């Protein structure tokens, strides 16, 4: 949680963190500002102090709305710094950061950098800043970063934003189900009112429209894959594929709040009209494992234990898994789930490689998404809900939706 930042900074021997870039579609900046409409800003949090937001003068009101202490970048007179440096923008920018850090007494410090900035620009500025300030050490982090650790547990307000995205998501999923089942069918293919076949592209266009109408965005796209593509876990679906009766459709939807805020993640597997026996059998196995794991989730358990358990359950039912063969491309081929928040994939991780101390703890928001994949058989099945570990240790699904495989067609 945000309240853990100072403790985490101390554990990593960090004096401060600097976050740069816009305040939308930039998870570190959204995390600490709430997602203000800022096209470019810098936020510096000194350990033990509130973050200070450095903003462009035109966006002073937006900056003030964050409730953070603010400073206008115009006070640092980039125009004068450019004159002093014969128009050299890099040196002028380095000197501006020098002045900003000096105002916060951070010219001698260990400083971690986050945010959204061109890699070459970041290298030029921050390596130059480190050279200009011998007492400054710029710290980079890969993987187990300070902010990912803080984001691993959510405050109530964050959970409610994710819950609201769940309501939007399941509402749109219901729209899709109604839309599909209302089409007429000829020779097993769904037809539009103009007589042309309904395609994956048609469905995705509707999904994007319905999400936009609900005030949500779909920046990562949607997985809506049928037949063989459903058997390849991250195949997003071929836009030209036709919607047919009796084929498995994996519908994995992961939209976020407008502006790149909190995500929801949700998957259902459908067959339109009917399900062939082999599809039903695979679905029944996934559904059984899904219910078993959901029933076994318990606070303070290492997350990797559930990946092992999922593999054991599927292997007992005769399916290959990544435990028996890490390179398998059929059966159970991925992790059970992941943390969810301002990024689709956060901590904790349900992986064999997750450390012992990466556990389900109060405040965790996670996905649970077992699946089985057999592309050469033309089928794949995945079920996914997003759940919250409440402060009392109970597990709560944030948006309920039916787990039916078959969607009966309404049209004759």
Protein backbone atom coordinates (compact mmCIF):
# COMPACT_ATOMS: atom_id res chain seq x y z
CA UNK A 1 0.00 0.00 0.00
CA UNK A 2 1.02 3.64 -0.34
CA UNK A 3 1.39 3.77 3.43
CA UNK A 4 4.21 1.21 3.10
CA UNK A 5 6.35 3.38 0.82
CA UNK A 6 8.59 4.91 3.49
CA UNK A 7 9.29 1.52 5.06
CA UNK A 8 10.01 -0.01 1.67
CA UNK A 9 12.29 2.88 0.74
CA UNK A 10 14.22 2.37 3.94
CA UNK A 11 14.55 -1.37 3.30
CA UNK A 12 16.02 -0.60 -0.13
CA UNK A 13 18.24 2.21 1.21
CA UNK A 14 16.51 4.82 -0.95
CA UNK A 15 16.39 8.44 0.07
CA UNK A 16 13.85 9.40 -2.58
CA UNK A 17 12.00 8.34 -5.70
CA UNK A 18 11.41 10.40 -8.83
CA UNK A 19 8.51 9.65 -11.17
CA UNK A 20 8.34 11.35 -14.53
CA UNK A 21 5.97 11.57 -17.48
CA UNK A 22 2.23 12.06 -17.94
CA UNK A 23 -0.27 11.33 -15.19
CA UNK A 24 -2.33 9.07 -17.43
CA UNK A 25 -1.37 5.67 -18.86
CA UNK A 26 1.69 5.83 -16.59
CA UNK A 27 1.07 3.50 -13.61
CA UNK A 28 3.68 4.95 -11.20
CA UNK A 29 2.39 8.49 -11.73
CA UNK A 30 -1.26 7.41 -11.58
CA UNK A 31 -0.52 5.55 -8.36
CA UNK A 32 0.65 8.66 -6.53
CA UNK A 33 -1.47 11.36 -8.21
CA UNK A 34 -4.72 9.46 -8.72
CA UNK A 35 -4.64 10.01 -12.48
CA UNK A 36 -4.80 13.79 -12.96
CA UNK A 37 -4.83 15.23 -16.47
CA UNK A 38 -1.17 16.15 -16.66
CA UNK A 39 0.60 15.81 -19.99
CA UNK A 40 4.06 15.92 -18.41
CA UNK A 41 5.21 16.25 -14.83
CA UNK A 42 7.79 15.17 -12.29
CA UNK A 43 6.95 13.85 -8.84
CA UNK A 44 9.60 13.53 -6.16
CA UNK A 45 8.94 11.73 -2.91
CA UNK A 46 11.55 12.08 -0.23
CA UNK A 47 11.53 9.36 2.40
CA UNK A 48 9.46 10.52 5.36
CA UNK A 49 7.83 13.37 3.41
CA UNK A 50 4.81 13.83 1.18
CA UNK A 51 5.42 13.68 -2.58
CA UNK A 52 5.94 17.00 -4.32
CA UNK A 53 4.44 17.39 -7.79
CA UNK A 54 6.35 19.58 -10.28
CA UNK A 55 3.96 20.65 -13.04
CA UNK A 56 3.68 22.83 -16.13
CA UNK A 57 2.06 26.19 -15.37
CA UNK A 58 -0.83 25.54 -17.79
CA UNK A 59 -1.79 22.50 -15.72
CA UNK A 60 -1.60 24.12 -12.29
CA UNK A 61 -5.27 23.51 -11.50
CA UNK A 62 -5.04 19.84 -12.44
CA UNK A 63 -1.94 19.53 -10.28
CA UNK A 64 -3.69 21.22 -7.36
CA UNK A 65 -6.61 18.79 -7.66
CA UNK A 66 -4.30 15.92 -6.69
CA UNK A 67 -4.10 17.31 -3.16
CA UNK A 68 -0.29 17.03 -3.23
CA UNK A 69 2.16 19.84 -2.51
CA UNK A 70 2.98 21.38 -5.89
CA UNK A 71 5.69 23.45 -7.54
CA UNK A 72 5.49 25.05 -10.97
CA UNK A 73 8.26 24.13 -13.37
CA UNK A 74 8.06 27.67 -14.72
CA UNK A 75 9.72 28.82 -11.48
CA UNK A 76 12.87 27.00 -12.60
CA UNK A 77 13.18 29.19 -15.73
CA UNK A 78 14.17 26.73 -18.42
CA UNK A 79 14.40 29.70 -20.79
CA UNK A 80 17.18 31.27 -18.73
CA UNK A 81 18.95 27.92 -18.34
CA UNK A 82 18.89 27.49 -22.11
CA UNK A 83 20.56 30.88 -22.54
CA UNK A 84 23.21 29.99 -19.97
CA UNK A 85 23.93 26.76 -21.86
CA UNK A 86 23.94 28.22 -25.39
CA UNK A 87 20.68 26.51 -26.26
CA UNK A 88 21.79 23.05 -25.10
CA UNK A 89 18.48 21.50 -23.99
CA UNK A 90 20.10 18.51 -22.31
CA UNK A 91 22.36 20.60 -20.08
CA UNK A 92 19.52 23.01 -19.30
CA UNK A 93 17.25 20.11 -18.30
CA UNK A 94 19.97 18.59 -16.11
CA UNK A 95 20.43 21.92 -14.35
CA UNK A 96 16.70 22.24 -13.81
CA UNK A 97 16.62 18.82 -12.13
CA UNK A 98 19.64 19.92 -10.09
CA UNK A 99 17.67 22.91 -8.80
CA UNK A 100 14.57 20.79 -8.09
CA UNK A 101 16.59 18.29 -6.06
CA UNK A 102 18.41 21.09 -4.25
CA UNK A 103 15.07 22.56 -3.16
CA UNK A 104 14.29 19.23 -1.50
CA UNK A 105 17.79 18.80 -0.06
CA UNK A 106 18.43 15.75 -2.26
CA UNK A 107 21.67 16.62 -4.07
CA UNK A 108 23.35 13.92 -1.99
CA UNK A 109 21.02 10.94 -2.09
CA UNK A 110 20.13 7.52 -3.46
CA UNK A 111 17.35 8.22 -5.94
CA UNK A 112 15.23 5.63 -7.79
CA UNK A 113 13.66 6.59 -11.13
CA UNK A 114 10.24 5.48 -12.40
CA UNK A 115 7.69 6.55 -14.97
CA UNK A 116 7.15 6.92 -18.67
CA UNK A 117 9.96 8.48 -20.67
CA UNK A 118 11.89 7.63 -23.81
CA UNK A 119 14.77 5.33 -22.85
CA UNK A 120 17.40 7.37 -24.68
CA UNK A 121 16.15 10.62 -23.17
CA UNK A 122 16.14 9.09 -19.69
CA UNK A 123 19.68 7.80 -20.11
CA UNK A 124 20.98 11.16 -21.30
CA UNK A 125 19.30 13.19 -18.57
CA UNK A 126 19.82 10.98 -15.54
CA UNK A 127 23.33 9.82 -16.33
CA UNK A 128 24.20 13.48 -16.90
CA UNK A 129 22.53 14.46 -13.64
CA UNK A 130 24.49 11.81 -11.76
CA UNK A 131 27.73 13.12 -13.27
CA UNK A 132 26.82 16.69 -12.35
CA UNK A 133 26.08 15.76 -8.74
CA UNK A 134 28.85 13.54 -7.31
CA UNK A 135 26.78 12.89 -4.19
CA UNK A 136 23.81 11.57 -6.18
CA UNK A 137 23.36 7.88 -6.96
CA UNK A 138 20.67 6.98 -9.49
CA UNK A 139 19.18 3.58 -8.69
CA UNK A 140 17.54 1.37 -11.29
CA UNK A 141 15.38 -1.61 -10.41
CA UNK A 142 14.37 -4.60 -12.50
CA UNK A 143 11.54 -6.88 -11.50
CA UNK A 144 11.13 -6.64 -7.74
CA UNK A 145 10.75 -2.87 -7.62
CA UNK A 146 9.72 -0.65 -4.75
CA UNK A 147 6.46 0.38 -6.42
CA UNK A 148 5.47 -3.16 -7.38
CA UNK A 149 5.95 -4.16 -3.75
CA UNK A 150 3.77 -1.29 -2.58
CA UNK A 151 1.11 -1.98 -5.22
CA UNK A 152 0.86 -5.65 -4.20
CA UNK A 153 -1.70 -4.74 -1.55
CA UNK A 154 -4.58 -2.38 -2.19
CA UNK A 155 -6.32 0.19 -0.08
CA UNK A 156 -10.11 0.10 0.10
CA UNK A 157 -10.49 2.95 -2.38
CA UNK A 158 -8.36 1.07 -4.91
CA UNK A 159 -10.41 -2.10 -4.43
CA UNK A 160 -13.64 -0.18 -5.01
CA UNK A 161 -12.27 1.22 -8.26
CA UNK A 162 -11.36 -2.30 -9.40
CA UNK A 163 -14.78 -3.56 -8.29
CA UNK A 164 -16.47 -0.84 -10.34
CA UNK A 165 -14.40 -1.88 -13.37
CA UNK A 166 -15.62 -5.43 -12.72
CA UNK A 167 -19.22 -4.27 -12.89
CA UNK A 168 -18.53 -2.49 -16.18
CA UNK A 169 -16.69 -5.52 -17.54
CA UNK A 170 -19.39 -8.05 -16.71
CA UNK A 171 -22.06 -5.70 -18.04
CA UNK A 172 -20.24 -5.59 -21.37
CA UNK A 173 -19.74 -9.37 -21.30
CA UNK A 174 -23.50 -9.72 -20.86
CA UNK A 175 -24.02 -7.41 -23.85
CA UNK A 176 -21.75 -9.63 -25.93
CA UNK A 177 -23.63 -12.79 -24.90
CA UNK A 178 -26.98 -11.20 -25.82
CA UNK A 179 -25.56 -9.89 -29.09
CA UNK A 180 -24.18 -13.27 -30.16
CA UNK A 181 -27.26 -15.30 -29.28
CA UNK A 182 -29.63 -12.91 -31.07
CA UNK A 183 -28.18 -13.66 -34.52
CA UNK A 184 -29.74 -15.94 -37.05
CA UNK A 185 -27.77 -19.01 -38.09
CA UNK A 186 -27.34 -20.63 -41.49
CA UNK A 187 -25.25 -23.78 -41.92
CA UNK A 188 -23.85 -23.28 -38.42
CA UNK A 189 -22.61 -19.71 -39.09
CA UNK A 190 -24.01 -16.60 -37.43
CA UNK A 191 -25.34 -14.05 -39.90
CA UNK A 192 -25.72 -10.28 -39.61
CA UNK A 193 -28.92 -8.52 -40.69
CA UNK A 194 -27.36 -7.83 -44.11
CA UNK A 195 -26.85 -11.56 -44.64
CA UNK A 196 -23.08 -11.48 -44.26
CA UNK A 197 -21.34 -13.71 -41.70
CA UNK A 198 -20.57 -12.28 -38.28
CA UNK A 199 -16.81 -12.08 -37.68
CA UNK A 200 -14.46 -11.71 -34.71
CA UNK A 201 -13.73 -8.15 -35.91
CA UNK A 202 -17.44 -7.29 -35.74
CA UNK A 203 -17.66 -8.53 -32.17
CA UNK A 204 -14.53 -6.66 -31.05
CA UNK A 205 -15.85 -3.41 -32.54
CA UNK A 206 -18.97 -3.77 -30.42
CA UNK A 207 -16.90 -4.57 -27.32
CA UNK A 208 -14.85 -1.39 -27.74
CA UNK A 209 -17.98 0.70 -28.27
CA UNK A 210 -19.76 -0.71 -25.23
CA UNK A 211 -16.70 -0.20 -23.03
CA UNK A 212 -16.37 3.41 -24.20
CA UNK A 213 -20.03 4.02 -23.42
CA UNK A 214 -19.35 2.82 -19.87
CA UNK A 215 -16.38 5.18 -19.47
CA UNK A 216 -13.73 2.47 -19.80
CA UNK A 217 -10.79 1.93 -22.13
CA UNK A 218 -9.36 -1.15 -23.78
CA UNK A 219 -5.69 -0.24 -24.32
CA UNK A 220 -4.42 -3.84 -24.38
CA UNK A 221 -7.14 -5.14 -26.72
CA UNK A 222 -9.37 -8.16 -26.12
CA UNK A 223 -8.83 -11.88 -26.57
CA UNK A 224 -11.83 -13.21 -28.47
CA UNK A 225 -10.62 -16.37 -30.15
CA UNK A 226 -12.53 -19.28 -31.65
CA UNK A 227 -11.60 -22.86 -32.56
CA UNK A 228 -7.90 -23.52 -32.96
CA UNK A 229 -7.01 -19.98 -31.85
CA UNK A 230 -8.80 -20.65 -28.56
CA UNK A 231 -6.24 -23.40 -28.04
CA UNK A 232 -3.33 -20.91 -28.08
CA UNK A 233 -3.55 -19.02 -24.75
CA UNK A 234 -2.67 -15.50 -25.88
CA UNK A 235 -3.99 -15.64 -29.42
CA UNK A 236 -6.21 -12.58 -29.65
CA UNK A 237 -8.33 -14.14 -32.39
CA UNK A 238 -8.27 -13.78 -36.17
CA UNK A 239 -10.39 -10.74 -37.14
CA UNK A 240 -11.76 -12.54 -40.19
CA UNK A 241 -12.83 -15.74 -38.41
CA UNK A 242 -16.54 -16.49 -38.52
CA UNK A 243 -18.69 -17.14 -35.47
CA UNK A 244 -19.87 -20.74 -35.66
CA UNK A 245 -22.01 -22.98 -33.49
CA UNK A 246 -20.32 -25.59 -31.32
CA UNK A 247 -16.78 -24.18 -31.37
CA UNK A 248 -15.07 -22.99 -28.22
CA UNK A 249 -14.71 -19.24 -27.83
CA UNK A 250 -12.27 -17.91 -25.25
CA UNK A 251 -13.33 -14.41 -24.26
CA UNK A 252 -10.64 -12.74 -22.12
CA UNK A 253 -11.39 -9.07 -21.47
CA UNK A 254 -9.15 -6.75 -19.44
CA UNK A 255 -10.24 -3.11 -19.71
CA UNK A 256 -9.23 -0.23 -17.46
CA UNK A 257 -10.58 3.07 -16.24
CA UNK A 258 -10.37 5.88 -18.77
CA UNK A 259 -6.95 7.49 -18.59
CA UNK A 260 -5.08 4.29 -17.82
CA UNK A 261 -6.39 3.69 -14.33
CA UNK A 262 -7.30 0.43 -12.58
CA UNK A 263 -7.87 -2.73 -14.62
CA UNK A 264 -10.22 -5.65 -14.36
CA UNK A 265 -9.42 -9.10 -15.78
CA UNK A 266 -12.07 -11.68 -16.64
CA UNK A 267 -12.40 -14.76 -18.87
CA UNK A 268 -15.22 -17.03 -19.91
CA UNK A 269 -15.34 -19.87 -22.42
CA UNK A 270 -18.46 -20.25 -24.51
CA UNK A 271 -19.93 -22.53 -27.14
CA UNK A 272 -22.81 -21.12 -29.12
CA UNK A 273 -25.85 -23.39 -29.39
CA UNK A 274 -24.26 -26.60 -28.15
CA UNK A 275 -20.98 -28.09 -26.94
CA UNK A 276 -19.43 -31.23 -28.50
CA UNK A 277 -18.75 -34.02 -26.02
CA UNK A 278 -14.96 -33.58 -26.08
CA UNK A 279 -15.28 -29.85 -25.43
CA UNK A 280 -17.70 -30.47 -22.57
CA UNK A 281 -15.28 -32.95 -21.00
CA UNK A 282 -12.37 -30.50 -21.08
CA UNK A 283 -14.61 -27.73 -19.79
CA UNK A 284 -15.80 -29.88 -16.91
CA UNK A 285 -12.17 -30.51 -15.91
CA UNK A 286 -11.32 -26.80 -15.95
CA UNK A 287 -14.48 -25.92 -14.05
CA UNK A 288 -13.75 -28.53 -11.38
CA UNK A 289 -10.19 -27.26 -10.90
CA UNK A 290 -11.41 -23.65 -10.87
CA UNK A 291 -13.88 -24.40 -8.05
CA UNK A 292 -11.33 -26.51 -6.17
CA UNK A 293 -8.67 -23.80 -6.20
CA UNK A 294 -11.13 -21.04 -5.36
CA UNK A 295 -12.26 -23.07 -2.37
CA UNK A 296 -8.67 -23.63 -1.18
CA UNK A 297 -7.47 -20.01 -1.32
CA UNK A 298 -6.34 -19.10 2.15
CA UNK A 299 -4.62 -16.05 3.59
CA UNK A 300 -0.84 -16.20 4.18
CA UNK A 301 -0.34 -19.20 1.87
CA UNK A 302 2.63 -18.96 -0.55
CA UNK A 303 1.21 -18.24 -4.01
CA UNK A 304 3.46 -20.78 -5.71
CA UNK A 305 1.68 -23.52 -3.71
CA UNK A 306 -1.46 -22.91 -5.76
CA UNK A 307 0.42 -23.30 -9.05
CA UNK A 308 1.70 -26.66 -7.83
CA UNK A 309 -1.77 -27.63 -6.66
CA UNK A 310 -3.34 -26.69 -10.01
CA UNK A 311 -0.81 -28.84 -11.87
CA UNK A 312 -1.51 -31.77 -9.55
CA UNK A 313 -5.26 -31.48 -10.09
CA UNK A 314 -4.94 -31.35 -13.88
CA UNK A 315 -2.42 -34.18 -14.00
CA UNK A 316 -4.78 -36.34 -11.94
CA UNK A 317 -7.34 -35.74 -14.67
CA UNK A 318 -4.89 -36.84 -17.35
CA UNK A 319 -3.71 -33.51 -18.74
CA UNK A 320 -0.10 -32.43 -19.40
CA UNK A 321 1.12 -29.50 -17.30
CA UNK A 322 4.11 -27.20 -17.02
CA UNK A 323 5.09 -29.02 -13.85
CA UNK A 324 5.56 -32.32 -15.66
CA UNK A 325 6.99 -30.66 -18.78
CA UNK A 326 7.93 -26.95 -18.56
CA UNK A 327 7.94 -26.74 -22.38
CA UNK A 328 4.52 -28.26 -23.00
CA UNK A 329 2.30 -26.41 -25.45
CA UNK A 330 -0.80 -28.47 -24.72
CA UNK A 331 -2.78 -28.98 -21.54
CA UNK A 332 -2.08 -26.55 -18.71
CA UNK A 333 0.64 -24.28 -20.05
CA UNK A 334 0.71 -21.11 -17.92
CA UNK A 335 0.51 -19.76 -14.38
CA UNK A 336 -2.64 -19.82 -12.30
CA UNK A 337 -2.97 -16.06 -11.97
CA UNK A 338 -1.39 -12.76 -10.98
CA UNK A 339 -1.89 -9.59 -9.03
CA UNK A 340 -4.01 -6.91 -10.67
CA UNK A 341 -4.22 -3.13 -10.32
CA UNK A 342 -2.88 -0.24 -12.36
CA UNK A 343 -1.13 -2.87 -14.47
CA UNK A 344 -2.63 -6.10 -15.71
CA UNK A 345 0.22 -8.10 -14.21
CA UNK A 346 1.33 -7.12 -10.73
CA UNK A 347 2.33 -8.93 -7.54
CA UNK A 348 1.74 -11.48 -6.17
CA UNK A 349 2.72 -14.04 -8.83
CA UNK A 350 1.45 -17.60 -9.02
CA UNK A 351 4.66 -19.04 -10.35
CA UNK A 352 7.01 -21.88 -9.46
CA UNK A 353 9.68 -19.18 -9.28
CA UNK A 354 7.88 -16.89 -6.85
CA UNK A 355 9.69 -16.70 -3.51
CA UNK A 356 8.30 -18.26 -0.34
CA UNK A 357 7.39 -14.85 1.08
CA UNK A 358 5.20 -13.94 -1.91
CA UNK A 359 1.90 -14.85 -0.27
CA UNK A 360 -1.79 -14.16 -0.32
CA UNK A 361 -2.19 -11.42 2.26
CA UNK A 362 -5.05 -9.09 3.19
CA UNK A 363 -5.28 -6.43 0.49
CA UNK A 364 -4.17 -8.68 -2.37
CA UNK A 365 -6.24 -8.45 -5.57
CA UNK A 366 -5.55 -11.43 -7.80
CA UNK A 367 -6.83 -13.35 -10.79
CA UNK A 368 -7.54 -17.07 -10.73
CA UNK A 369 -7.49 -18.45 -14.28
CA UNK A 370 -6.87 -22.17 -14.85
CA UNK A 371 -7.11 -23.36 -18.44
CA UNK A 372 -6.51 -26.24 -20.83
CA UNK A 373 -5.38 -25.85 -24.44
CA UNK A 374 -5.45 -28.31 -27.34
CA UNK A 375 -5.01 -26.30 -30.56
CA UNK A 376 -4.77 -29.32 -32.86
CA UNK A 377 -8.13 -30.46 -31.49
CA UNK A 378 -9.50 -27.01 -32.22
CA UNK A 379 -10.32 -26.11 -28.64
CA UNK A 380 -9.22 -24.23 -25.58
CA UNK A 381 -10.91 -23.52 -22.25
CA UNK A 382 -10.08 -20.88 -19.62
CA UNK A 383 -12.11 -19.50 -16.72
CA UNK A 384 -11.04 -16.42 -14.80
CA UNK A 385 -12.36 -14.28 -11.98
CA UNK A 386 -10.69 -11.47 -10.07
CA UNK A 387 -10.79 -11.80 -6.30
CA UNK A 388 -9.85 -9.71 -3.28
CA UNK A 389 -8.37 -10.94 -0.01
CA UNK A 390 -10.38 -8.86 2.44
CA UNK A 391 -8.94 -7.46 5.70
CA UNK A 392 -10.65 -10.31 7.59
CA UNK A 393 -8.87 -12.86 5.36
CA UNK A 394 -11.98 -13.88 3.44
CA UNK A 395 -11.82 -14.27 -0.34
CA UNK A 396 -14.32 -12.20 -2.32
CA UNK A 397 -15.01 -12.32 -6.06
CA UNK A 398 -15.26 -8.70 -7.16
CA UNK A 399 -17.74 -9.25 -10.01
CA UNK A 400 -19.95 -12.32 -10.26
CA UNK A 401 -20.96 -13.75 -13.63
CA UNK A 402 -22.35 -17.15 -14.69
CA UNK A 403 -19.93 -19.94 -15.59
CA UNK A 404 -22.11 -21.51 -18.31
CA UNK A 405 -20.34 -23.07 -21.27
CA UNK A 406 -23.26 -23.19 -23.70
CA UNK A 407 -25.07 -20.02 -24.77
CA UNK A 408 -28.44 -21.09 -26.27
CA UNK A 409 -29.29 -19.27 -29.46
CA UNK A 410 -32.44 -17.13 -29.30
CA UNK A 411 -33.04 -16.65 -33.00
CA UNK A 412 -34.63 -19.36 -35.12
